[in-house]
N, C-alpha and C. Protein backbone atom coordinates (compact mmCIF):
# COMPACT_ATOMS: atom_id res chain seq x y z
N MET A 1 265.14 -37.15 177.06
CA MET A 1 265.63 -38.19 176.18
C MET A 1 264.77 -39.43 176.36
N SER A 2 264.38 -40.04 175.26
CA SER A 2 263.52 -41.21 175.29
C SER A 2 264.34 -42.48 175.52
N VAL A 3 263.79 -43.38 176.30
CA VAL A 3 264.45 -44.66 176.52
C VAL A 3 263.96 -45.69 175.50
N LEU A 4 262.95 -45.33 174.74
CA LEU A 4 262.44 -46.22 173.70
C LEU A 4 263.32 -46.13 172.46
N SER A 5 263.56 -47.25 171.84
CA SER A 5 264.34 -47.22 170.60
C SER A 5 263.42 -46.82 169.45
N ALA A 6 264.01 -46.24 168.44
CA ALA A 6 263.24 -45.83 167.27
C ALA A 6 262.71 -47.06 166.55
N PRO A 7 261.53 -46.95 165.93
CA PRO A 7 261.02 -48.09 165.18
C PRO A 7 261.91 -48.35 163.97
N PRO A 8 262.01 -49.59 163.55
CA PRO A 8 262.83 -49.86 162.36
C PRO A 8 262.19 -49.22 161.13
N LEU A 9 263.02 -48.77 160.23
CA LEU A 9 262.50 -48.19 158.99
C LEU A 9 261.82 -49.27 158.18
N PRO A 10 260.74 -48.93 157.49
CA PRO A 10 260.10 -49.93 156.64
C PRO A 10 261.01 -50.27 155.45
N THR A 11 260.81 -51.43 154.90
CA THR A 11 261.60 -51.86 153.74
C THR A 11 260.66 -52.32 152.63
N PRO A 12 259.90 -51.40 152.05
CA PRO A 12 258.97 -51.81 151.00
C PRO A 12 259.73 -52.25 149.75
N PRO A 13 259.23 -53.29 149.07
CA PRO A 13 259.89 -53.73 147.84
C PRO A 13 259.67 -52.75 146.68
N ALA A 14 258.59 -51.97 146.77
CA ALA A 14 258.27 -50.98 145.72
C ALA A 14 257.35 -49.93 146.33
N LEU A 15 257.35 -48.75 145.75
CA LEU A 15 256.48 -47.67 146.21
C LEU A 15 255.85 -46.96 145.01
N ARG A 16 254.61 -46.58 145.19
CA ARG A 16 253.90 -45.79 144.20
C ARG A 16 253.95 -44.33 144.67
N LEU A 17 254.29 -43.42 143.78
CA LEU A 17 254.34 -42.00 144.12
C LEU A 17 252.94 -41.42 144.06
N MET A 18 252.57 -40.72 145.13
CA MET A 18 251.28 -40.03 145.15
C MET A 18 251.57 -38.55 145.36
N SER A 19 251.10 -37.76 144.40
CA SER A 19 251.29 -36.32 144.45
C SER A 19 250.26 -35.68 143.55
N ARG A 20 249.89 -34.47 143.88
CA ARG A 20 248.94 -33.75 143.03
C ARG A 20 249.63 -33.13 141.84
N GLY A 21 250.90 -33.29 141.73
CA GLY A 21 251.65 -32.75 140.60
C GLY A 21 252.91 -32.05 141.05
N GLY A 22 253.83 -31.90 140.12
CA GLY A 22 255.06 -31.19 140.41
C GLY A 22 256.09 -32.01 141.15
N ALA A 23 255.86 -33.31 141.31
CA ALA A 23 256.80 -34.11 142.10
C ALA A 23 257.51 -35.17 141.26
N SER A 24 257.43 -35.07 139.95
CA SER A 24 258.04 -36.11 139.12
C SER A 24 259.55 -36.19 139.29
N SER A 25 260.18 -35.12 139.78
CA SER A 25 261.63 -35.14 139.96
C SER A 25 262.05 -35.69 141.33
N VAL A 26 261.08 -36.02 142.18
CA VAL A 26 261.39 -36.55 143.51
C VAL A 26 261.88 -37.99 143.37
N LYS A 27 262.98 -38.29 144.02
CA LYS A 27 263.55 -39.65 143.96
C LYS A 27 262.94 -40.52 145.05
N PRO A 28 262.76 -41.81 144.76
CA PRO A 28 262.19 -42.72 145.76
C PRO A 28 263.12 -42.90 146.96
N PRO A 29 262.54 -43.11 148.14
CA PRO A 29 263.36 -43.35 149.34
C PRO A 29 263.84 -44.79 149.43
N PHE A 30 264.63 -45.06 150.44
CA PHE A 30 265.09 -46.41 150.81
C PHE A 30 265.90 -47.10 149.73
N GLY A 31 266.53 -46.33 148.86
CA GLY A 31 267.39 -46.91 147.83
C GLY A 31 266.65 -47.54 146.67
N LEU A 32 265.34 -47.33 146.59
CA LEU A 32 264.58 -47.86 145.46
C LEU A 32 265.00 -47.14 144.19
N ALA A 33 265.10 -47.87 143.10
CA ALA A 33 265.60 -47.30 141.84
C ALA A 33 264.56 -46.43 141.14
N ARG A 34 263.28 -46.78 141.30
CA ARG A 34 262.24 -46.04 140.58
C ARG A 34 260.91 -46.19 141.29
N TRP A 35 259.97 -45.35 140.90
CA TRP A 35 258.60 -45.47 141.38
C TRP A 35 257.91 -46.57 140.61
N ASP A 36 256.96 -47.25 141.23
CA ASP A 36 256.23 -48.34 140.59
C ASP A 36 254.73 -48.05 140.69
N ASP A 37 254.11 -47.73 139.56
CA ASP A 37 252.69 -47.37 139.54
C ASP A 37 251.77 -48.51 139.95
N ALA A 38 252.28 -49.73 139.98
CA ALA A 38 251.47 -50.88 140.36
C ALA A 38 251.66 -51.28 141.83
N ALA A 39 252.54 -50.59 142.55
CA ALA A 39 252.83 -50.95 143.94
C ALA A 39 251.64 -50.65 144.85
N ARG A 40 251.47 -51.47 145.88
CA ARG A 40 250.41 -51.25 146.87
C ARG A 40 250.79 -50.13 147.82
N ASP A 41 252.03 -50.11 148.27
CA ASP A 41 252.49 -49.12 149.24
C ASP A 41 252.73 -47.78 148.55
N ILE A 42 252.55 -46.71 149.33
CA ILE A 42 252.53 -45.35 148.75
C ILE A 42 253.55 -44.46 149.44
N ALA A 43 254.17 -43.60 148.65
CA ALA A 43 254.96 -42.49 149.17
C ALA A 43 254.26 -41.21 148.73
N LEU A 44 253.96 -40.36 149.69
CA LEU A 44 253.20 -39.15 149.42
C LEU A 44 254.12 -37.93 149.49
N VAL A 45 254.08 -37.13 148.44
CA VAL A 45 254.78 -35.84 148.42
C VAL A 45 253.71 -34.78 148.60
N LEU A 46 253.84 -34.01 149.66
CA LEU A 46 252.86 -32.98 149.97
C LEU A 46 252.99 -31.81 149.01
N ASP A 47 251.86 -31.13 148.77
CA ASP A 47 251.84 -29.95 147.91
C ASP A 47 252.63 -28.82 148.53
N ARG A 48 253.19 -28.01 147.68
CA ARG A 48 253.88 -26.80 148.11
C ARG A 48 252.83 -25.77 148.49
N PRO A 49 252.95 -25.17 149.69
CA PRO A 49 251.98 -24.14 150.05
C PRO A 49 252.13 -22.92 149.13
N PRO A 50 251.07 -22.12 148.99
CA PRO A 50 251.14 -20.98 148.09
C PRO A 50 252.22 -19.97 148.48
N ASP A 51 252.53 -19.89 149.74
CA ASP A 51 253.62 -19.02 150.17
C ASP A 51 254.66 -19.90 150.86
N VAL A 52 255.84 -19.40 151.03
CA VAL A 52 256.92 -20.21 151.61
C VAL A 52 256.73 -20.24 153.12
N ARG A 53 255.99 -21.24 153.55
CA ARG A 53 255.73 -21.42 154.98
C ARG A 53 255.47 -22.90 155.22
N THR A 54 255.50 -23.27 156.47
CA THR A 54 255.17 -24.64 156.83
C THR A 54 253.66 -24.82 156.75
N PRO A 55 253.19 -25.88 156.07
CA PRO A 55 251.74 -26.10 156.01
C PRO A 55 251.17 -26.35 157.41
N LYS A 56 249.88 -26.10 157.56
CA LYS A 56 249.19 -26.36 158.82
C LYS A 56 248.76 -27.82 158.87
N LEU A 57 248.48 -28.30 160.08
CA LEU A 57 248.08 -29.69 160.28
C LEU A 57 246.89 -30.06 159.40
N GLU A 58 245.90 -29.19 159.32
CA GLU A 58 244.71 -29.48 158.51
C GLU A 58 245.07 -29.62 157.03
N GLU A 59 246.01 -28.81 156.57
CA GLU A 59 246.43 -28.87 155.18
C GLU A 59 247.17 -30.18 154.88
N VAL A 60 247.97 -30.61 155.82
CA VAL A 60 248.71 -31.87 155.64
C VAL A 60 247.73 -33.04 155.67
N ALA A 61 246.86 -33.08 156.67
CA ALA A 61 245.91 -34.18 156.80
C ALA A 61 245.00 -34.30 155.58
N ALA A 62 244.59 -33.18 155.02
CA ALA A 62 243.69 -33.20 153.86
C ALA A 62 244.33 -33.87 152.65
N GLN A 63 245.65 -33.92 152.59
CA GLN A 63 246.33 -34.52 151.45
C GLN A 63 246.59 -36.01 151.61
N ILE A 64 246.40 -36.53 152.80
CA ILE A 64 246.65 -37.95 153.07
C ILE A 64 245.37 -38.72 152.80
N PRO A 65 245.44 -39.79 152.00
CA PRO A 65 244.22 -40.53 151.68
C PRO A 65 243.62 -41.17 152.93
N LEU A 66 242.32 -41.28 152.96
CA LEU A 66 241.65 -41.96 154.06
C LEU A 66 242.02 -43.45 154.01
N PRO A 67 242.30 -44.06 155.15
CA PRO A 67 242.64 -45.48 155.15
C PRO A 67 241.56 -46.36 154.52
N SER A 68 240.31 -45.94 154.63
CA SER A 68 239.21 -46.74 154.07
C SER A 68 239.28 -46.85 152.55
N THR A 69 240.08 -46.00 151.91
CA THR A 69 240.22 -46.05 150.45
C THR A 69 241.37 -46.95 150.01
N LEU A 70 242.08 -47.52 150.99
CA LEU A 70 243.26 -48.34 150.69
C LEU A 70 243.08 -49.74 151.26
N GLU A 71 243.86 -50.66 150.74
CA GLU A 71 243.86 -52.05 151.19
C GLU A 71 244.46 -52.17 152.59
N ALA A 72 243.93 -53.07 153.40
CA ALA A 72 244.46 -53.32 154.74
C ALA A 72 245.95 -53.62 154.67
N GLY A 73 246.72 -53.04 155.59
CA GLY A 73 248.15 -53.28 155.64
C GLY A 73 248.98 -52.39 154.73
N THR A 74 248.33 -51.52 153.97
CA THR A 74 249.08 -50.63 153.07
C THR A 74 249.95 -49.67 153.88
N LEU A 75 251.17 -49.54 153.46
CA LEU A 75 252.12 -48.60 154.05
C LEU A 75 251.99 -47.27 153.33
N VAL A 76 251.86 -46.18 154.11
CA VAL A 76 251.81 -44.84 153.54
C VAL A 76 252.96 -44.04 154.15
N ILE A 77 253.87 -43.62 153.31
CA ILE A 77 255.02 -42.84 153.73
C ILE A 77 254.79 -41.39 153.31
N VAL A 78 254.98 -40.46 154.25
CA VAL A 78 254.86 -39.04 153.94
C VAL A 78 256.27 -38.45 153.99
N LEU A 79 256.72 -37.98 152.83
CA LEU A 79 258.05 -37.41 152.73
C LEU A 79 258.10 -36.04 153.38
N GLY A 80 259.24 -35.67 153.91
CA GLY A 80 259.39 -34.43 154.66
C GLY A 80 259.44 -33.17 153.82
N ASP A 81 259.96 -33.25 152.61
CA ASP A 81 260.02 -32.08 151.74
C ASP A 81 258.76 -32.01 150.90
N VAL A 82 258.23 -30.81 150.72
CA VAL A 82 257.06 -30.64 149.85
C VAL A 82 257.51 -30.71 148.40
N ALA A 83 256.55 -30.79 147.49
CA ALA A 83 256.85 -30.87 146.07
C ALA A 83 257.71 -29.68 145.65
N PRO A 84 258.68 -29.92 144.78
CA PRO A 84 259.52 -28.81 144.31
C PRO A 84 258.70 -27.88 143.42
N PRO A 85 259.14 -26.64 143.28
CA PRO A 85 258.43 -25.73 142.37
C PRO A 85 258.39 -26.33 140.96
N ARG A 86 257.32 -26.03 140.24
CA ARG A 86 257.16 -26.59 138.90
C ARG A 86 258.10 -25.97 137.88
N ALA A 87 258.29 -24.66 137.98
CA ALA A 87 259.13 -23.97 137.00
C ALA A 87 260.61 -24.23 137.29
N LEU A 88 261.39 -24.34 136.23
CA LEU A 88 262.82 -24.61 136.37
C LEU A 88 263.50 -23.52 137.19
N LEU A 89 263.18 -22.27 136.92
CA LEU A 89 263.78 -21.18 137.68
C LEU A 89 263.39 -21.28 139.16
N GLY A 90 262.15 -21.68 139.43
CA GLY A 90 261.71 -21.85 140.80
C GLY A 90 262.46 -22.96 141.51
N ARG A 91 262.83 -24.00 140.78
CA ARG A 91 263.60 -25.09 141.38
C ARG A 91 265.00 -24.62 141.77
N TRP A 92 265.56 -23.73 140.96
CA TRP A 92 266.89 -23.21 141.26
C TRP A 92 266.87 -22.20 142.39
N LEU A 93 265.86 -21.33 142.38
CA LEU A 93 265.83 -20.24 143.34
C LEU A 93 264.86 -20.44 144.49
N GLY A 94 263.95 -21.40 144.34
CA GLY A 94 262.91 -21.60 145.34
C GLY A 94 263.44 -22.11 146.66
N ALA A 95 262.83 -21.67 147.72
CA ALA A 95 263.23 -22.12 149.05
C ALA A 95 262.72 -23.54 149.28
N ARG A 96 263.51 -24.32 149.95
CA ARG A 96 263.12 -25.68 150.30
C ARG A 96 262.15 -25.60 151.48
N VAL A 97 260.99 -26.23 151.33
CA VAL A 97 259.99 -26.21 152.38
C VAL A 97 259.88 -27.62 152.95
N ARG A 98 260.10 -27.72 154.26
CA ARG A 98 260.02 -29.01 154.94
C ARG A 98 258.85 -28.98 155.92
N VAL A 99 258.18 -30.12 156.02
CA VAL A 99 257.09 -30.26 156.97
C VAL A 99 257.63 -31.05 158.16
N PRO A 100 257.58 -30.48 159.36
CA PRO A 100 258.12 -31.17 160.53
C PRO A 100 257.48 -32.55 160.73
N ARG A 101 258.29 -33.45 161.26
CA ARG A 101 257.84 -34.83 161.47
C ARG A 101 256.60 -34.90 162.36
N HIS A 102 256.54 -34.05 163.40
CA HIS A 102 255.39 -34.12 164.30
C HIS A 102 254.10 -33.74 163.59
N LEU A 103 254.14 -32.86 162.60
CA LEU A 103 252.93 -32.52 161.84
C LEU A 103 252.50 -33.68 160.94
N ARG A 104 253.47 -34.31 160.28
CA ARG A 104 253.14 -35.43 159.40
C ARG A 104 252.61 -36.61 160.20
N SER A 105 253.23 -36.89 161.34
CA SER A 105 252.76 -37.99 162.20
C SER A 105 251.37 -37.70 162.75
N SER A 106 251.15 -36.46 163.19
CA SER A 106 249.83 -36.08 163.72
C SER A 106 248.76 -36.20 162.64
N ALA A 107 249.10 -35.83 161.41
CA ALA A 107 248.14 -35.93 160.31
C ALA A 107 247.80 -37.39 160.02
N LEU A 108 248.81 -38.27 160.04
CA LEU A 108 248.54 -39.70 159.84
C LEU A 108 247.64 -40.24 160.94
N LEU A 109 247.92 -39.86 162.18
CA LEU A 109 247.10 -40.29 163.31
C LEU A 109 245.67 -39.77 163.18
N ALA A 110 245.53 -38.50 162.82
CA ALA A 110 244.20 -37.90 162.67
C ALA A 110 243.39 -38.58 161.57
N ARG A 111 244.05 -39.08 160.56
CA ARG A 111 243.35 -39.76 159.46
C ARG A 111 243.02 -41.22 159.80
N GLY A 112 243.64 -41.76 160.86
CA GLY A 112 243.29 -43.11 161.28
C GLY A 112 244.31 -44.18 160.99
N TYR A 113 245.54 -43.79 160.70
CA TYR A 113 246.58 -44.79 160.44
C TYR A 113 247.12 -45.35 161.76
N VAL A 114 247.71 -46.53 161.71
CA VAL A 114 248.25 -47.20 162.89
C VAL A 114 249.72 -47.53 162.64
N ARG A 115 250.40 -48.00 163.72
CA ARG A 115 251.81 -48.38 163.63
C ARG A 115 252.63 -47.25 163.02
N LEU A 116 252.49 -46.06 163.58
CA LEU A 116 253.18 -44.88 163.07
C LEU A 116 254.66 -44.93 163.41
N GLY A 117 255.46 -44.31 162.58
CA GLY A 117 256.88 -44.21 162.84
C GLY A 117 257.49 -43.08 162.05
N GLY A 118 258.72 -42.81 162.34
CA GLY A 118 259.44 -41.76 161.63
C GLY A 118 260.92 -41.97 161.78
N GLY A 119 261.68 -41.47 160.83
CA GLY A 119 263.11 -41.60 160.90
C GLY A 119 263.79 -40.96 159.72
N ILE A 120 265.08 -41.14 159.67
CA ILE A 120 265.90 -40.59 158.58
C ILE A 120 266.26 -41.74 157.64
N ASP A 121 265.97 -41.56 156.38
CA ASP A 121 266.32 -42.54 155.36
C ASP A 121 267.84 -42.55 155.19
N PRO A 122 268.50 -43.66 155.51
CA PRO A 122 269.97 -43.67 155.43
C PRO A 122 270.50 -43.58 154.00
N LYS A 123 269.67 -43.88 153.02
CA LYS A 123 270.12 -43.85 151.63
C LYS A 123 270.24 -42.43 151.08
N ASN A 124 269.31 -41.53 151.50
CA ASN A 124 269.36 -40.17 150.95
C ASN A 124 269.27 -39.07 152.01
N GLY A 125 269.16 -39.46 153.28
CA GLY A 125 269.13 -38.48 154.36
C GLY A 125 267.81 -37.75 154.55
N ASN A 126 266.79 -38.13 153.82
CA ASN A 126 265.50 -37.47 153.95
C ASN A 126 264.75 -37.96 155.19
N ASP A 127 263.99 -37.06 155.77
CA ASP A 127 263.16 -37.38 156.91
C ASP A 127 261.85 -37.99 156.39
N VAL A 128 261.50 -39.16 156.87
CA VAL A 128 260.27 -39.84 156.44
C VAL A 128 259.40 -40.16 157.65
N THR A 129 258.12 -40.16 157.42
CA THR A 129 257.13 -40.54 158.43
C THR A 129 256.22 -41.57 157.78
N TRP A 130 255.72 -42.52 158.56
CA TRP A 130 254.88 -43.53 157.95
C TRP A 130 253.79 -44.01 158.91
N GLY A 131 252.81 -44.65 158.30
CA GLY A 131 251.74 -45.30 159.03
C GLY A 131 251.18 -46.41 158.15
N TYR A 132 250.42 -47.30 158.76
CA TYR A 132 249.83 -48.42 158.04
C TYR A 132 248.31 -48.36 158.16
N VAL A 133 247.66 -48.89 157.14
CA VAL A 133 246.21 -49.05 157.20
C VAL A 133 245.94 -50.24 158.12
N ALA A 134 245.04 -50.06 159.07
CA ALA A 134 244.70 -51.13 160.02
C ALA A 134 244.02 -52.30 159.30
N GLY A 135 244.11 -53.44 159.92
CA GLY A 135 243.44 -54.63 159.39
C GLY A 135 244.40 -55.77 159.22
N GLU A 136 243.82 -56.95 159.14
CA GLU A 136 244.65 -58.14 158.99
C GLU A 136 245.10 -58.32 157.57
N THR A 137 246.36 -58.66 157.43
CA THR A 137 246.95 -58.99 156.15
C THR A 137 247.64 -60.33 156.32
N PRO A 138 248.04 -60.98 155.23
CA PRO A 138 248.76 -62.24 155.38
C PRO A 138 250.00 -62.10 156.27
N GLU A 139 250.67 -60.93 156.24
CA GLU A 139 251.88 -60.73 157.03
C GLU A 139 251.55 -60.64 158.53
N THR A 140 250.42 -60.02 158.89
CA THR A 140 250.09 -59.84 160.30
C THR A 140 249.37 -61.04 160.90
N LYS A 141 248.86 -61.94 160.09
CA LYS A 141 248.17 -63.13 160.60
C LYS A 141 249.15 -64.13 161.20
N ALA A 142 250.35 -64.19 160.66
CA ALA A 142 251.33 -65.21 161.05
C ALA A 142 251.82 -65.09 162.42
């Protein structure tokens, strides 16, 4: 048992959905009403693997954008459930595929993110993992 307390959940004012497709039905975390295409911070929905299995670390990391492509201080949240099946029948019958938190956190670390954390979103019960792009921002200068 850890004596360290869990990091506080981030409270982004808005999130942009990042997905290669098939995730339009995914609801935003943290009680946000909708996705915002103009938001700086990102929520990433991982692709569904071709077979019903947990993706490998390399597969997860390859889907996370490199920090050098984002603005300093950007929050990147990786959602625990992969994209739902595209077909309606697949959504009804398809197995739910979850990526363990340790894989998502390891992928963020491998890509170079800092201030990593993970927890359960109290608004919808989903497991979320996050990291920030390193660098000074107006918030971190103060």
